[in-house]
Amino acid sequence: MDNIAGTKPALTWVVHISVVLLVVLWLIPTVGLLVSSFRDRDQISATGWWLSPFPVEQNYQVKAPAGDVTVDGDRNVIEGNVFGDGKGTVSRFGGKRAAPTEFKAGDTAQLSKDRTLSVQRDGSYVYTSPAAIKRDPSIYFAAESPPDFSLDNYRTIMASDNMDRAFINTLTVTIPATIIPILIAAFAAYALAWMDFRGRGFLIALVVGLLVVPLQLALVPLLTLHNKVGIGQSFLGIWMAHTGFGLPLAIYLLRNYMVGLPRDIIESAKVDGATDFQVFTKIVLPLSFPALASFAIFQFLWTWNDLLVAKVFLPSNSESWVMTVKIADDLLGSKGGDWGILAAAAFISIAVPLIVFFTMQRYLVRGLLAGSVK
């Protein structure tokens, strides 16, 4: 018997499993990025983040000081320890870069030109040569190092030039670019939802059509227009650009929510003599807070994480860089192979969006589902 009270249909379990899988797929790279942000560069290169709690075997190179040569019969000998503090365990060693782990620890390696090299597990080595040793010979070895977690990557980011300035610039761009489209879209959405005028249906269709227009198509024409009116590559220009790109979604989202508000409340207010502006500010706007918060989350996340629009509409000098441009042009360029630095920079850049999202996420679903059910 189907649909028995207290039982769940199979589709419900499919939905739950799908949600769990999506969450896991999102969490795995995020956790990996977080763990990598605390690891040393060499350890990141040696093993994946899932092996970070375990010791890491890495290859090293040290120089045997030629100034410590002693003479033993007909051979020149250098003795020492590859570990500066004398602590560590060598697993394998070698005498050339092409084969850094060719021999086991404790063996005596026969090198070219009748030279020998022996490295013990405790790191002590003996290097011999029949000829005079004029340059410091290289010793290659593999040793296990314990897990190394620290805040050095974050300290490097925070000490970077103009990072604090980039953070302030990001706030300067994001806050107005979130508030301005909300103010404009709220008035437009109320007009499209509750005011009768000629061409309202066409305007609603136009708003829906603008949702599918890629912003990349408008970048060059919009920048040309901004340059003609004198706001090109400035904070005012990027505010207007983000406002224009965000308005279609804002109007569509708020209009759907406002249409679903109880008609009796609005009609009663108008019967009592309230104007459209009073109805909007005293009734509609307070009741539409979930939809306003939903769009605010989307717009804030979009503008905070934006790189393309910031590269186009902001000056190219470092004093005007936002955090995404700072990471892409400075850190990614100078430290492109240092994944720990890049992971730390990524988490610093998403700290504020995470706070905004988890603070307002309870309004997200209510705002998105507005108007879907009558």
Protein backbone atom coordinates (compact mmCIF):
# COMPACT_ATOMS: atom_id res chain seq x y z
CA MET A 1 0.00 0.00 0.00
CA ASP A 2 1.37 3.38 -1.04
CA ASN A 3 1.09 6.63 0.86
CA ILE A 4 0.62 4.98 4.27
CA ALA A 5 0.71 7.53 7.09
CA GLY A 6 4.11 7.68 8.75
CA THR A 7 6.01 6.31 5.74
CA LYS A 8 8.21 8.27 3.39
CA PRO A 9 8.07 7.80 -0.39
CA ALA A 10 11.21 6.65 -2.16
CA LEU A 11 11.59 10.05 -3.80
CA THR A 12 12.07 11.65 -0.37
CA TRP A 13 15.02 9.39 0.35
CA VAL A 14 16.49 10.18 -3.06
CA VAL A 15 16.25 13.89 -2.32
CA HIS A 16 17.88 13.45 1.11
CA ILE A 17 20.72 11.36 -0.30
CA SER A 18 21.27 13.86 -3.11
CA VAL A 19 21.47 16.73 -0.64
CA VAL A 20 23.98 14.82 1.50
CA LEU A 21 26.12 14.06 -1.55
CA LEU A 22 26.06 17.70 -2.64
CA VAL A 23 27.09 18.83 0.85
CA VAL A 24 29.93 16.29 0.93
CA LEU A 25 31.12 17.32 -2.54
CA TRP A 26 31.19 20.94 -1.39
CA LEU A 27 32.86 20.21 1.94
CA ILE A 28 35.70 18.02 0.65
CA PRO A 29 37.53 20.71 -1.36
CA THR A 30 36.68 23.35 1.25
CA VAL A 31 38.19 21.29 4.07
CA GLY A 32 41.19 20.51 1.87
CA LEU A 33 41.70 24.21 1.20
CA LEU A 34 41.42 25.01 4.91
CA VAL A 35 43.94 22.33 5.91
CA SER A 36 46.36 23.42 3.18
CA SER A 37 46.25 27.01 4.41
CA PHE A 38 47.99 25.90 7.63
CA ARG A 39 50.60 23.62 6.03
CA ASP A 40 54.15 24.25 4.93
CA ARG A 41 54.83 24.68 1.22
CA ASP A 42 57.16 21.69 1.04
CA GLN A 43 54.70 19.39 2.81
CA ILE A 44 51.89 20.47 0.47
CA SER A 45 54.09 19.50 -2.49
CA ALA A 46 54.95 16.14 -0.92
CA THR A 47 51.53 14.79 0.13
CA GLY A 48 47.84 15.53 -0.18
CA TRP A 49 45.91 17.30 2.58
CA TRP A 50 44.24 14.01 3.63
CA LEU A 51 47.69 12.74 4.74
CA SER A 52 48.52 15.91 6.66
CA PRO A 53 48.22 14.29 10.15
CA PHE A 54 51.01 11.82 9.29
CA PRO A 55 54.78 12.30 8.92
CA VAL A 56 55.88 13.40 5.46
CA GLU A 57 58.86 11.96 3.60
CA GLN A 58 60.61 14.73 1.70
CA ASN A 59 63.79 15.06 -0.32
CA TYR A 60 66.44 17.49 0.85
CA GLN A 61 69.79 18.78 -0.33
CA VAL A 62 72.64 19.93 1.90
CA LYS A 63 76.20 21.01 1.24
CA ALA A 64 79.14 19.30 2.94
CA PRO A 65 81.52 22.14 3.90
CA ALA A 66 84.81 21.76 2.04
CA GLY A 67 86.50 23.73 4.78
CA ASP A 68 86.04 20.79 7.20
CA VAL A 69 88.24 18.43 5.14
CA THR A 70 90.57 16.11 7.02
CA VAL A 71 93.21 13.85 5.50
CA ASP A 72 93.10 10.11 6.21
CA GLY A 73 95.97 8.43 4.41
CA ASP A 74 95.59 9.12 0.72
CA ARG A 75 91.95 10.29 0.96
CA ASN A 76 90.31 13.58 1.81
CA VAL A 77 87.40 13.14 4.23
CA ILE A 78 84.44 15.35 5.26
CA GLU A 79 82.33 14.26 8.22
CA GLY A 80 79.19 15.86 9.63
CA ASN A 81 75.44 15.56 10.04
CA VAL A 82 72.83 16.48 7.45
CA PHE A 83 70.49 17.69 10.21
CA GLY A 84 71.52 20.99 11.66
CA ASP A 85 70.06 20.17 15.07
CA GLY A 86 71.03 16.49 14.88
CA LYS A 87 67.37 15.40 15.01
CA GLY A 88 65.81 13.40 12.20
CA THR A 89 65.80 10.04 10.47
CA VAL A 90 67.24 9.43 7.01
CA SER A 91 65.61 6.69 4.96
CA ARG A 92 67.59 6.95 1.69
CA PHE A 93 70.31 9.13 0.19
CA GLY A 94 72.15 9.84 -3.04
CA GLY A 95 75.11 11.74 -4.42
CA LYS A 96 73.54 13.31 -7.51
CA ARG A 97 70.43 15.33 -8.28
CA ALA A 98 69.17 12.84 -10.86
CA ALA A 99 68.99 10.04 -8.24
CA PRO A 100 68.54 11.68 -4.80
CA THR A 101 67.34 8.45 -3.11
CA GLU A 102 69.44 5.84 -4.87
CA PHE A 103 70.93 4.19 -1.76
CA LYS A 104 69.60 2.99 1.57
CA ALA A 105 70.67 4.70 4.77
CA GLY A 106 73.79 2.97 6.15
CA ASP A 107 75.13 1.89 2.75
CA THR A 108 78.37 3.17 1.26
CA ALA A 109 77.74 4.67 -2.17
CA GLN A 110 80.45 4.49 -4.82
CA LEU A 111 80.37 7.80 -6.70
CA SER A 112 82.22 8.91 -9.81
CA LYS A 113 85.97 9.63 -9.75
CA ASP A 114 86.51 7.06 -6.97
CA ARG A 115 84.58 9.14 -4.41
CA THR A 116 82.41 7.55 -1.69
CA LEU A 117 79.51 8.71 0.43
CA SER A 118 77.89 7.06 3.43
CA VAL A 119 74.86 8.48 5.30
CA GLN A 120 73.52 6.83 8.45
CA ARG A 121 69.92 6.89 9.65
CA ASP A 122 70.73 9.48 12.30
CA GLY A 123 72.01 11.85 9.58
CA SER A 124 75.74 11.46 10.14
CA TYR A 125 77.69 11.22 6.89
CA VAL A 126 81.20 10.50 5.65
CA TYR A 127 82.31 11.84 2.27
CA THR A 128 85.69 10.79 0.86
CA SER A 129 87.63 11.71 -2.26
CA PRO A 130 91.14 10.85 -3.48
CA ALA A 131 91.51 14.32 -4.98
CA ALA A 132 91.48 17.65 -3.18
CA ILE A 133 87.94 18.92 -2.42
CA LYS A 134 87.71 22.53 -3.61
CA ARG A 135 83.92 22.97 -3.68
CA ASP A 136 81.23 21.95 -1.22
CA PRO A 137 79.84 18.60 -2.44
CA SER A 138 76.06 18.11 -2.43
CA ILE A 139 74.35 15.40 -0.41
CA TYR A 140 70.79 14.41 -1.27
CA PHE A 141 68.61 12.46 1.13
CA ALA A 142 65.03 11.59 2.02
CA ALA A 143 63.85 12.06 5.59
CA GLU A 144 60.56 11.99 7.44
CA SER A 145 59.39 15.26 8.95
CA PRO A 146 56.52 15.55 11.45
CA PRO A 147 53.27 17.33 10.47
CA ASP A 148 53.80 21.08 10.47
CA PHE A 149 50.78 23.34 11.03
CA SER A 150 51.21 27.05 11.66
CA LEU A 151 49.76 30.50 10.98
CA ASP A 152 52.76 31.52 8.88
CA ASN A 153 50.74 31.62 5.66
CA TYR A 154 48.18 33.94 7.21
CA ARG A 155 50.92 36.13 8.67
CA THR A 156 52.47 36.38 5.21
CA ILE A 157 49.15 37.46 3.72
CA MET A 158 48.42 40.04 6.39
CA ALA A 159 51.95 41.43 6.10
CA SER A 160 51.59 41.79 2.33
CA ASP A 161 51.69 45.35 1.01
CA ASN A 162 48.29 47.07 0.75
CA MET A 163 46.29 44.00 1.86
CA ASP A 164 44.50 46.14 4.45
CA ARG A 165 43.84 48.70 1.74
CA ALA A 166 42.42 45.98 -0.53
CA PHE A 167 40.08 44.86 2.26
CA ILE A 168 38.79 48.42 2.72
CA ASN A 169 38.39 48.83 -1.05
CA THR A 170 36.35 45.63 -1.18
CA LEU A 171 34.00 46.95 1.51
CA THR A 172 33.83 50.29 -0.33
CA VAL A 173 32.70 48.51 -3.49
CA THR A 174 30.46 45.86 -1.95
CA ILE A 175 28.31 47.79 0.52
CA PRO A 176 27.03 50.52 -1.88
CA ALA A 177 26.75 47.98 -4.71
CA THR A 178 24.41 45.95 -2.48
CA ILE A 179 22.32 48.80 -1.05
CA ILE A 180 21.77 50.83 -4.24
CA PRO A 181 20.11 48.08 -6.33
CA ILE A 182 17.93 47.06 -3.37
CA LEU A 183 16.59 50.62 -3.02
CA ILE A 184 15.88 50.99 -6.74
CA ALA A 185 14.50 47.47 -7.18
CA ALA A 186 12.13 47.78 -4.22
CA PHE A 187 10.36 50.79 -5.75
CA ALA A 188 10.26 49.16 -9.19
CA ALA A 189 8.97 45.85 -7.80
CA TYR A 190 6.14 47.57 -5.91
CA ALA A 191 5.10 49.43 -9.04
CA LEU A 192 5.09 46.24 -11.12
CA ALA A 193 3.21 44.32 -8.43
CA TRP A 194 0.52 46.74 -7.19
CA MET A 195 0.23 49.72 -9.53
CA ASP A 196 -1.81 49.56 -12.75
CA PHE A 197 -0.32 51.40 -15.71
CA ARG A 198 0.06 50.89 -19.42
CA GLY A 199 2.95 48.66 -20.47
CA ARG A 200 3.37 46.93 -17.11
CA GLY A 201 3.25 43.45 -18.66
CA PHE A 202 5.91 44.41 -21.22
CA LEU A 203 8.20 45.73 -18.48
CA ILE A 204 7.81 42.49 -16.51
CA ALA A 205 8.69 40.46 -19.60
CA LEU A 206 11.67 42.76 -20.25
CA VAL A 207 12.98 42.20 -16.72
CA VAL A 208 12.70 38.43 -17.14
CA GLY A 209 14.50 38.66 -20.48
CA LEU A 210 17.36 40.65 -18.97
CA LEU A 211 18.02 37.80 -16.54
CA VAL A 212 19.47 35.67 -19.34
CA VAL A 213 21.73 38.35 -20.87
CA PRO A 214 25.42 37.59 -20.07
CA LEU A 215 27.11 40.54 -18.40
CA GLN A 216 30.20 39.97 -20.56
CA LEU A 217 28.25 41.35 -23.52
CA ALA A 218 27.70 44.66 -21.73
CA LEU A 219 31.17 45.24 -20.30
CA VAL A 220 32.74 47.11 -23.21
CA PRO A 221 29.67 49.23 -24.16
CA LEU A 222 29.07 50.10 -20.50
CA LEU A 223 32.70 51.08 -19.93
CA THR A 224 32.59 53.24 -23.07
CA LEU A 225 29.47 54.98 -21.74
CA HIS A 226 31.09 55.51 -18.35
CA ASN A 227 34.16 57.06 -19.97
CA LYS A 228 31.97 59.46 -21.96
CA VAL A 229 30.09 60.67 -18.87
CA GLY A 230 33.26 60.89 -16.78
CA ILE A 231 32.83 58.01 -14.31
CA GLY A 232 34.96 55.43 -16.09
CA GLN A 233 37.25 53.29 -13.90
CA SER A 234 36.14 54.74 -10.58
CA PHE A 235 34.23 53.57 -7.53
CA LEU A 236 31.10 55.36 -8.77
CA GLY A 237 31.46 53.56 -12.09
CA ILE A 238 31.71 50.11 -10.51
CA TRP A 239 28.74 50.88 -8.21
CA MET A 240 26.63 51.73 -11.26
CA ALA A 241 27.87 48.63 -13.09
CA HIS A 242 26.99 46.26 -10.24
CA THR A 243 23.65 48.04 -9.85
CA GLY A 244 22.80 47.55 -13.51
CA PHE A 245 23.84 43.90 -13.51
CA GLY A 246 21.94 43.15 -10.29
CA LEU A 247 18.68 44.99 -10.93
CA PRO A 248 16.93 42.36 -13.12
CA LEU A 249 17.26 39.63 -10.49
CA ALA A 250 16.37 42.05 -7.69
CA ILE A 251 13.22 43.31 -9.40
CA TYR A 252 12.13 39.80 -10.38
CA LEU A 253 12.68 38.41 -6.88
CA LEU A 254 11.02 41.31 -5.01
CA ARG A 255 8.09 41.57 -7.42
CA ASN A 256 7.26 37.87 -7.00
CA TYR A 257 7.31 38.29 -3.23
CA MET A 258 5.22 41.46 -3.17
CA VAL A 259 2.57 39.94 -5.43
CA GLY A 260 2.06 37.22 -2.82
CA LEU A 261 1.34 39.67 0.01
CA PRO A 262 -2.29 39.75 1.27
CA ARG A 263 -4.33 42.04 -0.95
CA ASP A 264 -6.79 42.84 1.84
CA ILE A 265 -4.13 44.63 3.89
CA ILE A 266 -3.10 46.89 1.02
CA GLU A 267 -6.66 47.65 -0.08
CA SER A 268 -7.69 48.43 3.48
CA ALA A 269 -4.78 50.86 3.80
CA LYS A 270 -5.81 52.61 0.58
CA VAL A 271 -9.43 52.83 1.77
CA ASP A 272 -8.17 54.54 4.92
CA GLY A 273 -6.50 57.15 2.72
CA ALA A 274 -2.94 55.87 2.53
CA THR A 275 -0.97 56.86 -0.55
CA ASP A 276 1.07 54.39 -2.59
CA PHE A 277 4.26 55.70 -0.98
CA GLN A 278 2.82 55.20 2.51
CA VAL A 279 1.60 51.70 1.63
CA PHE A 280 5.06 50.90 0.28
CA THR A 281 7.05 52.24 3.23
CA LYS A 282 4.71 51.26 6.08
CA ILE A 283 3.34 47.90 4.91
CA VAL A 284 4.99 46.37 1.84
CA LEU A 285 8.62 47.11 2.66
CA PRO A 286 8.56 45.66 6.23
CA LEU A 287 6.69 42.55 5.05
CA SER A 288 9.18 42.06 2.20
CA PHE A 289 12.24 41.78 4.44
CA PRO A 290 12.84 38.05 3.66
CA ALA A 291 13.02 38.81 -0.06
CA LEU A 292 15.23 41.84 0.54
CA ALA A 293 17.56 39.73 2.66
CA SER A 294 17.67 36.99 0.02
CA PHE A 295 18.76 39.37 -2.69
CA ALA A 296 21.20 41.09 -0.32
CA ILE A 297 22.93 37.74 0.23
CA PHE A 298 23.25 37.09 -3.50
CA GLN A 299 24.40 40.60 -4.34
CA PHE A 300 26.88 40.81 -1.48
CA LEU A 301 28.46 37.44 -2.35
CA TRP A 302 28.59 38.33 -6.02
CA THR A 303 30.21 41.74 -5.58
CA TRP A 304 32.62 40.59 -2.85
CA ASN A 305 33.93 37.66 -4.93
CA ASP A 306 33.85 39.50 -8.26
CA LEU A 307 37.05 39.76 -10.28
CA LEU A 308 35.96 40.51 -13.85
CA VAL A 309 33.92 43.66 -13.18
CA ALA A 310 36.55 44.96 -10.74
CA LYS A 311 39.30 44.48 -13.34
CA VAL A 312 37.28 46.40 -15.94
CA PHE A 313 35.74 49.26 -13.94
CA LEU A 314 38.45 50.04 -11.35
CA PRO A 315 41.78 51.79 -11.98
CA SER A 316 44.73 49.48 -12.54
CA ASN A 317 46.90 51.01 -9.78
CA SER A 318 47.36 48.95 -6.62
CA GLU A 319 45.75 51.63 -4.43
CA SER A 320 42.35 50.77 -5.96
CA TRP A 321 42.67 46.97 -5.93
CA VAL A 322 40.00 44.92 -4.23
CA MET A 323 40.93 41.63 -2.56
CA THR A 324 40.19 39.43 -5.58
CA VAL A 325 42.39 41.60 -7.82
CA LYS A 326 45.09 41.71 -5.14
CA ILE A 327 45.14 37.91 -4.90
CA ALA A 328 45.05 37.39 -8.67
CA ASP A 329 47.58 40.04 -9.74
CA ASP A 330 49.95 40.13 -6.79
CA LEU A 331 49.88 36.91 -4.77
CA LEU A 332 49.05 34.57 -7.64
CA GLY A 333 51.71 36.21 -9.79
CA SER A 334 54.53 36.28 -7.26
CA LYS A 335 53.62 33.14 -5.29
CA GLY A 336 51.89 31.06 -7.94
CA GLY A 337 53.47 27.82 -6.75
CA ASP A 338 52.88 28.45 -3.05
CA TRP A 339 49.51 26.79 -2.51
CA GLY A 340 49.55 27.43 1.22
CA ILE A 341 49.68 31.19 0.65
CA LEU A 342 46.90 31.04 -1.94
CA ALA A 343 44.71 28.87 0.31
CA ALA A 344 45.17 31.28 3.21
CA ALA A 345 44.33 34.23 0.95
CA ALA A 346 41.18 32.45 -0.24
CA PHE A 347 39.95 31.90 3.32
CA ILE A 348 40.68 35.48 4.32
CA SER A 349 38.65 36.68 1.34
CA ILE A 350 35.63 34.47 2.14
CA ALA A 351 35.52 35.21 5.88
CA VAL A 352 33.13 38.17 5.56
CA PRO A 353 30.81 36.50 3.00
CA LEU A 354 30.50 33.47 5.29
CA ILE A 355 29.46 35.71 8.18
CA VAL A 356 26.87 37.47 6.00
CA PHE A 357 25.51 34.19 4.63
CA PHE A 358 25.11 32.38 7.96
CA THR A 359 23.61 35.51 9.55
CA MET A 360 20.90 35.92 6.92
CA GLN A 361 20.51 32.42 5.47
CA ARG A 362 17.24 31.80 7.35
CA TYR A 363 15.61 34.35 5.03
CA LEU A 364 17.07 32.84 1.86
CA VAL A 365 14.59 30.01 1.22
CA ARG A 366 11.59 32.13 2.21
CA GLY A 367 12.61 34.82 -0.23
CA LEU A 368 13.38 32.42 -3.10
CA LEU A 369 10.08 30.55 -2.74
CA ALA A 370 8.05 33.74 -2.72
CA GLY A 371 5.24 33.63 -5.22
CA SER A 372 5.68 29.93 -6.04
CA VAL A 373 2.60 28.86 -4.06
CA LYS A 374 -0.70 30.68 -3.84
